[in-house]
Amino acid sequence: MLLSSATRAAEDDFDYLFKVILIGDSNVGKTCVVQHFKSGVYTDTQQNTIGVDFTVRSLDVDGKKVKMQVWDTAGQERFRTITQSYYRSAHAAIIAYDLTRWSTFESVPHWIHEIEKYGAANLVMMLIGNKADLWEQRHVLFEDACTLAEKYGLLAVLETSAKESRNIDEVFLLMAKELMARNSLHLCTEGTLSSLPLDSSPVLVTQGPSGKSHCTC
């Protein structure tokens, strides 16, 4: 479908543009998180991501239009060389683990090292524990996630559930606000990545089955 020049201009009208990469082991629910962020829809069955999938959504943050480009990456080893090439252009990374599978949490330091090796020096990192709707099958305590986040200086920890619409929008809204705070320019582009100062304190947040709790560094 052809778009009018006015429609195209409206789509291109934004105050900030941020590129966020979502990484983590296979089958932790990364694609469900991205799809819910994009459309608010949860699909119980998802095919494994092949390489990298891309989605865009604009947010209204403090009166500013923020365009979030989200890159959903495959967790399988055979796609690592493909996904690593996307780290350098990202402003932020969201690392996902499955809170019902301890092995996916053990892999988080590996993903952090991948980002540090291939990503930009000022890249912002956040941790999410997905599948919070299965809290009765929990193998990863939130306190353990807080400890790890403090150790590596991550921005935040949130427990999410695409199935229950829990904390999905909050993840990207918090990331957008942090990137806006770090960015001294009116418009964020790839060329301004080096202008992001590392001067923010981490804020750790979660929402469990009994309501919200906070863990602040």
C-alpha atoms as a PDB file:
ATOM      1  CA  MET A   1       0.000   0.000   0.000  1.00  0.00           C
ATOM      2  CA  LEU A   2       1.316   3.419  -0.953  1.00  0.00           C
ATOM      3  CA  LEU A   3       1.435   5.959   1.826  1.00  0.00           C
ATOM      4  CA  SER A   4       0.802   9.640   1.317  1.00  0.00           C
ATOM      5  CA  SER A   5       3.649  12.041   1.982  1.00  0.00           C
ATOM      6  CA  ALA A   6       1.747  13.361   5.036  1.00  0.00           C
ATOM      7  CA  THR A   7       1.420   9.832   6.459  1.00  0.00           C
ATOM      8  CA  ARG A   8       5.106   9.090   5.878  1.00  0.00           C
ATOM      9  CA  ALA A   9       6.052  12.395   7.493  1.00  0.00           C
ATOM     10  CA  ALA A  10       3.942  11.561  10.562  1.00  0.00           C
ATOM     11  CA  GLU A  11       5.608   8.154  10.879  1.00  0.00           C
ATOM     12  CA  ASP A  12       9.045   9.745  10.641  1.00  0.00           C
ATOM     13  CA  ASP A  13       8.211  12.445  13.189  1.00  0.00           C
ATOM     14  CA  PHE A  14       9.908  11.486  16.455  1.00  0.00           C
ATOM     15  CA  ASP A  15      12.085  13.103  19.086  1.00  0.00           C
ATOM     16  CA  TYR A  16      14.281  10.110  19.932  1.00  0.00           C
ATOM     17  CA  LEU A  17      15.259   6.915  18.172  1.00  0.00           C
ATOM     18  CA  PHE A  18      16.690   4.070  20.248  1.00  0.00           C
ATOM     19  CA  LYS A  19      17.846   0.639  19.119  1.00  0.00           C
ATOM     20  CA  VAL A  20      17.368  -2.119  21.690  1.00  0.00           C
ATOM     21  CA  ILE A  21      18.597  -5.693  21.305  1.00  0.00           C
ATOM     22  CA  LEU A  22      16.882  -8.527  23.186  1.00  0.00           C
ATOM     23  CA  ILE A  23      19.173 -11.465  23.960  1.00  0.00           C
ATOM     24  CA  GLY A  24      19.224 -14.621  26.059  1.00  0.00           C
ATOM     25  CA  ASP A  25      19.075 -18.394  25.823  1.00  0.00           C
ATOM     26  CA  SER A  26      16.702 -20.139  23.443  1.00  0.00           C
ATOM     27  CA  ASN A  27      13.074 -20.575  24.561  1.00  0.00           C
ATOM     28  CA  VAL A  28      13.132 -18.025  27.389  1.00  0.00           C
ATOM     29  CA  GLY A  29      10.238 -16.168  25.718  1.00  0.00           C
ATOM     30  CA  LYS A  30      12.042 -13.291  23.996  1.00  0.00           C
ATOM     31  CA  THR A  31       9.770 -13.378  20.954  1.00  0.00           C
ATOM     32  CA  CYS A  32       6.624 -13.421  23.120  1.00  0.00           C
ATOM     33  CA  VAL A  33       7.895 -10.337  24.956  1.00  0.00           C
ATOM     34  CA  VAL A  34       8.595  -8.476  21.710  1.00  0.00           C
ATOM     35  CA  GLN A  35       5.298  -9.479  20.106  1.00  0.00           C
ATOM     36  CA  HIS A  36       3.348  -8.371  23.168  1.00  0.00           C
ATOM     37  CA  PHE A  37       5.217  -5.070  23.225  1.00  0.00           C
ATOM     38  CA  LYS A  38       4.427  -4.541  19.556  1.00  0.00           C
ATOM     39  CA  SER A  39       0.756  -5.530  19.466  1.00  0.00           C
ATOM     40  CA  GLY A  40      -0.384  -6.435  22.988  1.00  0.00           C
ATOM     41  CA  VAL A  41      -1.064  -9.969  21.793  1.00  0.00           C
ATOM     42  CA  TYR A  42       0.205 -13.182  23.394  1.00  0.00           C
ATOM     43  CA  THR A  43       0.640 -16.320  21.283  1.00  0.00           C
ATOM     44  CA  ASP A  44       1.112 -19.542  23.207  1.00  0.00           C
ATOM     45  CA  THR A  45       3.202 -21.207  20.503  1.00  0.00           C
ATOM     46  CA  GLN A  46       6.125 -19.454  18.826  1.00  0.00           C
ATOM     47  CA  GLN A  47       8.652 -20.764  16.338  1.00  0.00           C
ATOM     48  CA  ASN A  48      12.297 -20.306  17.220  1.00  0.00           C
ATOM     49  CA  THR A  49      13.739 -17.067  15.883  1.00  0.00           C
ATOM     50  CA  ILE A  50      16.081 -17.567  12.948  1.00  0.00           C
ATOM     51  CA  GLY A  51      18.864 -15.011  13.136  1.00  0.00           C
ATOM     52  CA  VAL A  52      17.256 -11.685  14.069  1.00  0.00           C
ATOM     53  CA  ASP A  53      13.687 -10.330  13.888  1.00  0.00           C
ATOM     54  CA  PHE A  54      12.918  -6.624  13.924  1.00  0.00           C
ATOM     55  CA  THR A  55       9.985  -4.603  15.249  1.00  0.00           C
ATOM     56  CA  VAL A  56       9.249  -0.914  15.887  1.00  0.00           C
ATOM     57  CA  ARG A  57       6.911   0.852  18.273  1.00  0.00           C
ATOM     58  CA  SER A  58       6.658   4.491  19.266  1.00  0.00           C
ATOM     59  CA  LEU A  59       6.127   5.523  22.886  1.00  0.00           C
ATOM     60  CA  ASP A  60       4.937   8.803  24.363  1.00  0.00           C
ATOM     61  CA  VAL A  61       7.389   9.535  27.172  1.00  0.00           C
ATOM     62  CA  ASP A  62       7.067  12.794  29.102  1.00  0.00           C
ATOM     63  CA  GLY A  63       5.559  14.502  26.091  1.00  0.00           C
ATOM     64  CA  LYS A  64       8.228  13.222  23.704  1.00  0.00           C
ATOM     65  CA  LYS A  65       7.744  10.698  20.905  1.00  0.00           C
ATOM     66  CA  VAL A  66      10.290   7.928  21.320  1.00  0.00           C
ATOM     67  CA  LYS A  67      10.704   5.361  18.570  1.00  0.00           C
ATOM     68  CA  MET A  68      11.957   2.013  19.884  1.00  0.00           C
ATOM     69  CA  GLN A  69      13.570  -0.336  17.379  1.00  0.00           C
ATOM     70  CA  VAL A  70      13.677  -3.762  19.005  1.00  0.00           C
ATOM     71  CA  TRP A  71      15.867  -6.546  17.632  1.00  0.00           C
ATOM     72  CA  ASP A  72      14.758 -10.011  18.767  1.00  0.00           C
ATOM     73  CA  THR A  73      17.741 -12.359  18.469  1.00  0.00           C
ATOM     74  CA  ALA A  74      18.003 -16.120  18.235  1.00  0.00           C
ATOM     75  CA  GLY A  75      19.440 -17.846  21.290  1.00  0.00           C
ATOM     76  CA  GLN A  76      20.905 -20.848  19.490  1.00  0.00           C
ATOM     77  CA  GLU A  77      24.676 -21.131  19.243  1.00  0.00           C
ATOM     78  CA  ARG A  78      24.658 -21.465  15.449  1.00  0.00           C
ATOM     79  CA  PHE A  79      23.253 -17.935  15.063  1.00  0.00           C
ATOM     80  CA  ARG A  80      25.741 -16.202  17.378  1.00  0.00           C
ATOM     81  CA  THR A  81      27.925 -14.781  14.611  1.00  0.00           C
ATOM     82  CA  ILE A  82      24.828 -13.237  13.035  1.00  0.00           C
ATOM     83  CA  THR A  83      23.432 -11.703  16.218  1.00  0.00           C
ATOM     84  CA  GLN A  84      26.791 -10.400  17.402  1.00  0.00           C
ATOM     85  CA  SER A  85      26.935  -8.077  14.407  1.00  0.00           C
ATOM     86  CA  TYR A  86      23.881  -6.219  15.760  1.00  0.00           C
ATOM     87  CA  TYR A  87      25.428  -5.424  19.154  1.00  0.00           C
ATOM     88  CA  ARG A  88      27.597  -2.543  17.959  1.00  0.00           C
ATOM     89  CA  SER A  89      24.709  -0.414  16.659  1.00  0.00           C
ATOM     90  CA  ALA A  90      22.472  -0.947  19.715  1.00  0.00           C
ATOM     91  CA  HIS A  91      21.958   1.684  22.398  1.00  0.00           C
ATOM     92  CA  ALA A  92      20.686  -0.852  24.920  1.00  0.00           C
ATOM     93  CA  ALA A  93      20.394  -4.585  25.572  1.00  0.00           C
ATOM     94  CA  ILE A  94      17.702  -6.467  27.450  1.00  0.00           C
ATOM     95  CA  ILE A  95      18.923  -9.847  28.704  1.00  0.00           C
ATOM     96  CA  ALA A  96      16.150 -12.376  29.286  1.00  0.00           C
ATOM     97  CA  TYR A  97      16.120 -15.553  31.343  1.00  0.00           C
ATOM     98  CA  ASP A  98      13.341 -18.024  32.174  1.00  0.00           C
ATOM     99  CA  LEU A  99      12.739 -17.889  35.929  1.00  0.00           C
ATOM    100  CA  THR A 100      11.611 -21.542  35.840  1.00  0.00           C
ATOM    101  CA  ARG A 101      14.943 -22.717  34.356  1.00  0.00           C
ATOM    102  CA  TRP A 102      18.083 -22.101  36.405  1.00  0.00           C
ATOM    103  CA  SER A 103      20.366 -22.859  33.451  1.00  0.00           C
ATOM    104  CA  THR A 104      19.061 -19.805  31.558  1.00  0.00           C
ATOM    105  CA  PHE A 105      19.920 -17.598  34.543  1.00  0.00           C
ATOM    106  CA  GLU A 106      23.396 -19.131  34.757  1.00  0.00           C
ATOM    107  CA  SER A 107      23.904 -18.022  31.145  1.00  0.00           C
ATOM    108  CA  VAL A 108      23.319 -14.335  31.945  1.00  0.00           C
ATOM    109  CA  PRO A 109      27.014 -13.574  32.686  1.00  0.00           C
ATOM    110  CA  HIS A 110      27.875 -15.094  29.292  1.00  0.00           C
ATOM    111  CA  TRP A 111      25.456 -12.723  27.560  1.00  0.00           C
ATOM    112  CA  ILE A 112      26.834  -9.771  29.515  1.00  0.00           C
ATOM    113  CA  HIS A 113      30.359 -10.671  28.390  1.00  0.00           C
ATOM    114  CA  GLU A 114      29.099 -10.942  24.794  1.00  0.00           C
ATOM    115  CA  ILE A 115      27.712  -7.411  25.022  1.00  0.00           C
ATOM    116  CA  GLU A 116      30.898  -6.087  26.593  1.00  0.00           C
ATOM    117  CA  LYS A 117      32.960  -7.726  23.861  1.00  0.00           C
ATOM    118  CA  TYR A 118      30.914  -6.797  20.791  1.00  0.00           C
ATOM    119  CA  GLY A 119      28.746  -3.864  21.902  1.00  0.00           C
ATOM    120  CA  ALA A 120      29.441  -0.182  22.353  1.00  0.00           C
ATOM    121  CA  ALA A 121      31.144   0.930  25.569  1.00  0.00           C
ATOM    122  CA  ASN A 122      28.129   2.956  26.761  1.00  0.00           C
ATOM    123  CA  LEU A 123      25.484   0.353  25.997  1.00  0.00           C
ATOM    124  CA  VAL A 124      22.797   0.166  28.730  1.00  0.00           C
ATOM    125  CA  MET A 125      21.869  -3.290  30.030  1.00  0.00           C
ATOM    126  CA  MET A 126      18.706  -4.490  31.753  1.00  0.00           C
ATOM    127  CA  LEU A 127      17.737  -7.956  33.046  1.00  0.00           C
ATOM    128  CA  ILE A 128      14.277  -9.527  32.808  1.00  0.00           C
ATOM    129  CA  GLY A 129      13.079 -12.764  34.368  1.00  0.00           C
ATOM    130  CA  ASN A 130      10.371 -13.992  32.028  1.00  0.00           C
ATOM    131  CA  LYS A 131       7.426 -16.398  32.547  1.00  0.00           C
ATOM    132  CA  ALA A 132       6.472 -14.827  35.885  1.00  0.00           C
ATOM    133  CA  ASP A 133       3.010 -16.350  35.467  1.00  0.00           C
ATOM    134  CA  LEU A 134       4.685 -19.694  36.312  1.00  0.00           C
ATOM    135  CA  TRP A 135       5.919 -18.392  39.672  1.00  0.00           C
ATOM    136  CA  GLU A 136       4.953 -21.665  41.397  1.00  0.00           C
ATOM    137  CA  GLN A 137       7.613 -23.370  39.241  1.00  0.00           C
ATOM    138  CA  ARG A 138      10.206 -20.718  40.049  1.00  0.00           C
ATOM    139  CA  HIS A 139      13.846 -21.854  40.189  1.00  0.00           C
ATOM    140  CA  VAL A 140      15.424 -18.374  40.211  1.00  0.00           C
ATOM    141  CA  LEU A 141      14.840 -16.120  43.196  1.00  0.00           C
ATOM    142  CA  PHE A 142      14.444 -12.417  42.526  1.00  0.00           C
ATOM    143  CA  GLU A 143      17.074 -11.742  45.189  1.00  0.00           C
ATOM    144  CA  ASP A 144      19.598 -13.713  43.121  1.00  0.00           C
ATOM    145  CA  ALA A 145      18.769 -11.590  40.082  1.00  0.00           C
ATOM    146  CA  CYS A 146      19.245  -8.416  42.158  1.00  0.00           C
ATOM    147  CA  THR A 147      22.639  -9.629  43.349  1.00  0.00           C
ATOM    148  CA  LEU A 148      23.757 -10.388  39.807  1.00  0.00           C
ATOM    149  CA  ALA A 149      22.486  -7.033  38.537  1.00  0.00           C
ATOM    150  CA  GLU A 150      24.388  -5.180  41.249  1.00  0.00           C
ATOM    151  CA  LYS A 151      27.543  -7.144  40.472  1.00  0.00           C
ATOM    152  CA  TYR A 152      27.507  -6.183  36.794  1.00  0.00           C
ATOM    153  CA  GLY A 153      26.047  -2.686  37.174  1.00  0.00           C
ATOM    154  CA  LEU A 154      22.845  -3.359  35.236  1.00  0.00           C
ATOM    155  CA  LEU A 155      20.142  -0.719  35.040  1.00  0.00           C
ATOM    156  CA  ALA A 156      17.253  -2.813  36.355  1.00  0.00           C
ATOM    157  CA  VAL A 157      15.679  -6.197  36.968  1.00  0.00           C
ATOM    158  CA  LEU A 158      12.030  -6.813  36.157  1.00  0.00           C
ATOM    159  CA  GLU A 159      10.031 -10.033  36.193  1.00  0.00           C
ATOM    160  CA  THR A 160       7.753 -10.236  33.174  1.00  0.00           C
ATOM    161  CA  SER A 161       4.956 -12.297  31.708  1.00  0.00           C
ATOM    162  CA  ALA A 162       3.713 -11.807  28.171  1.00  0.00           C
ATOM    163  CA  LYS A 163       0.852 -14.197  28.946  1.00  0.00           C
ATOM    164  CA  GLU A 164      -0.409 -12.043  31.823  1.00  0.00           C
ATOM    165  CA  SER A 165       0.692  -8.692  30.315  1.00  0.00           C
ATOM    166  CA  ARG A 166       2.966  -8.156  33.303  1.00  0.00           C
ATOM    167  CA  ASN A 167       5.712  -5.530  33.116  1.00  0.00           C
ATOM    168  CA  ILE A 168       6.174  -5.754  29.335  1.00  0.00           C
ATOM    169  CA  ASP A 169       5.507  -2.098  28.573  1.00  0.00           C
ATOM    170  CA  GLU A 170       7.263  -1.131  31.806  1.00  0.00           C
ATOM    171  CA  VAL A 171      10.508  -2.721  30.577  1.00  0.00           C
ATOM    172  CA  PHE A 172      10.646  -0.619  27.434  1.00  0.00           C
ATOM    173  CA  LEU A 173       9.314   2.526  29.103  1.00  0.00           C
ATOM    174  CA  LEU A 174      12.001   2.344  31.798  1.00  0.00           C
ATOM    175  CA  MET A 175      14.665   1.758  29.170  1.00  0.00           C
ATOM    176  CA  ALA A 176      13.391   4.669  27.066  1.00  0.00           C
ATOM    177  CA  LYS A 177      13.428   7.026  30.063  1.00  0.00           C
ATOM    178  CA  GLU A 178      16.961   5.985  30.993  1.00  0.00           C
ATOM    179  CA  LEU A 179      18.257   6.485  27.454  1.00  0.00           C
ATOM    180  CA  MET A 180      16.551   9.869  27.245  1.00  0.00           C
ATOM    181  CA  ALA A 181      18.160  10.893  30.536  1.00  0.00           C
ATOM    182  CA  ARG A 182      21.591   9.835  29.299  1.00  0.00           C
ATOM    183  CA  ASN A 183      21.250  11.490  25.948  1.00  0.00           C
ATOM    184  CA  SER A 184      22.111  15.178  25.844  1.00  0.00           C
ATOM    185  CA  LEU A 185      20.969  15.673  22.228  1.00  0.00           C
ATOM    186  CA  HIS A 186      17.453  16.335  20.951  1.00  0.00           C
ATOM    187  CA  LEU A 187      17.554  13.461  18.460  1.00  0.00           C
ATOM    188  CA  CYS A 188      19.286  10.144  19.126  1.00  0.00           C
ATOM    189  CA  THR A 189      20.998   8.528  16.153  1.00  0.00           C
ATOM    190  CA  GLU A 190      23.778   5.989  15.754  1.00  0.00           C
ATOM    191  CA  GLY A 191      26.245   8.834  15.544  1.00  0.00           C
ATOM    192  CA  THR A 192      25.377  10.079  19.046  1.00  0.00           C
ATOM    193  CA  LEU A 193      25.999   6.770  20.796  1.00  0.00           C
ATOM    194  CA  SER A 194      29.278   7.988  22.248  1.00  0.00           C
ATOM    195  CA  SER A 195      27.488  10.937  23.887  1.00  0.00           C
ATOM    196  CA  LEU A 196      25.711   8.732  26.437  1.00  0.00           C
ATOM    197  CA  PRO A 197      27.392   9.304  29.821  1.00  0.00           C
ATOM    198  CA  LEU A 198      27.597   6.489  32.367  1.00  0.00           C
ATOM    199  CA  ASP A 199      26.280   8.408  35.344  1.00  0.00           C
ATOM    200  CA  SER A 200      22.956   6.775  36.250  1.00  0.00           C
ATOM    201  CA  SER A 201      22.331   4.667  39.318  1.00  0.00           C
ATOM    202  CA  PRO A 202      20.661   1.285  38.844  1.00  0.00           C
ATOM    203  CA  VAL A 203      16.996   0.980  39.770  1.00  0.00           C
ATOM    204  CA  LEU A 204      15.773  -2.539  40.434  1.00  0.00           C
ATOM    205  CA  VAL A 205      12.076  -3.265  40.162  1.00  0.00           C
ATOM    206  CA  THR A 206       9.870  -6.333  40.000  1.00  0.00           C
ATOM    207  CA  GLN A 207       6.250  -7.348  40.213  1.00  0.00           C
ATOM    208  CA  GLY A 208       5.513 -10.678  41.869  1.00  0.00           C
ATOM    209  CA  PRO A 209       2.254 -12.578  42.298  1.00  0.00           C
ATOM    210  CA  SER A 210       1.383 -10.666  45.470  1.00  0.00           C
ATOM    211  CA  GLY A 211       2.001  -7.209  44.015  1.00  0.00           C
ATOM    212  CA  LYS A 212       4.922  -4.894  43.458  1.00  0.00           C
ATOM    213  CA  SER A 213       8.177  -5.024  45.342  1.00  0.00           C
ATOM    214  CA  HIS A 214      11.298  -2.971  44.906  1.00  0.00           C
ATOM    215  CA  CYS A 215      15.000  -3.663  45.217  1.00  0.00           C
ATOM    216  CA  THR A 216      17.069  -0.507  44.904  1.00  0.00           C
ATOM    217  CA  CYS A 217      20.854  -0.307  44.741  1.00  0.00           C
END
